Amino acid sequence: MTTHSAQAAVHAAERHRVAVANTLGWAQEAAERGDYADALEWLRTVEAIGEQLPPGYLTQRRAWRSTLAQNAATRNGRDDDSVVEAGDPSQAC
C-alpha cells in the first residue's frame, strides 16, 4: 500500500467514524425533542451500514421503543374517548 492510499484509508475511516457519531447524535437530538420514531430510524441507519450500536444506545433504544409504544397506546385511548366526548354524531344512540 502506498503512502497516499494509506492516508486515504485513514481519512475514509475517520469520515466514517464521524458520520456514525453524527448519526448517533441526531438520534439523541430526535429523542430529546420527543420524536422517538425518528430517533429509532437514526439507530437503524447506523446498523444498516454494518455498525453495532454502543451499549448505551442499546439501552436507549429499549427505552425509546417503550416510550413510543406507551405514547401510541395513550394516544389511541385518548382518541377513542375524545370522539365520544366531543359528541360525534356517528356515536349517537
Foldseek 3Di string as FASTA:
>chain_A
DDPVVVVVVVVVVVVVVVVLVVLQVVLVVCVVVPNLVVSVVSVVVCVVVPDDDDPVVVVVNVVSVVVVVVVVVVVVVVVVVVCVVVPPVVPDD
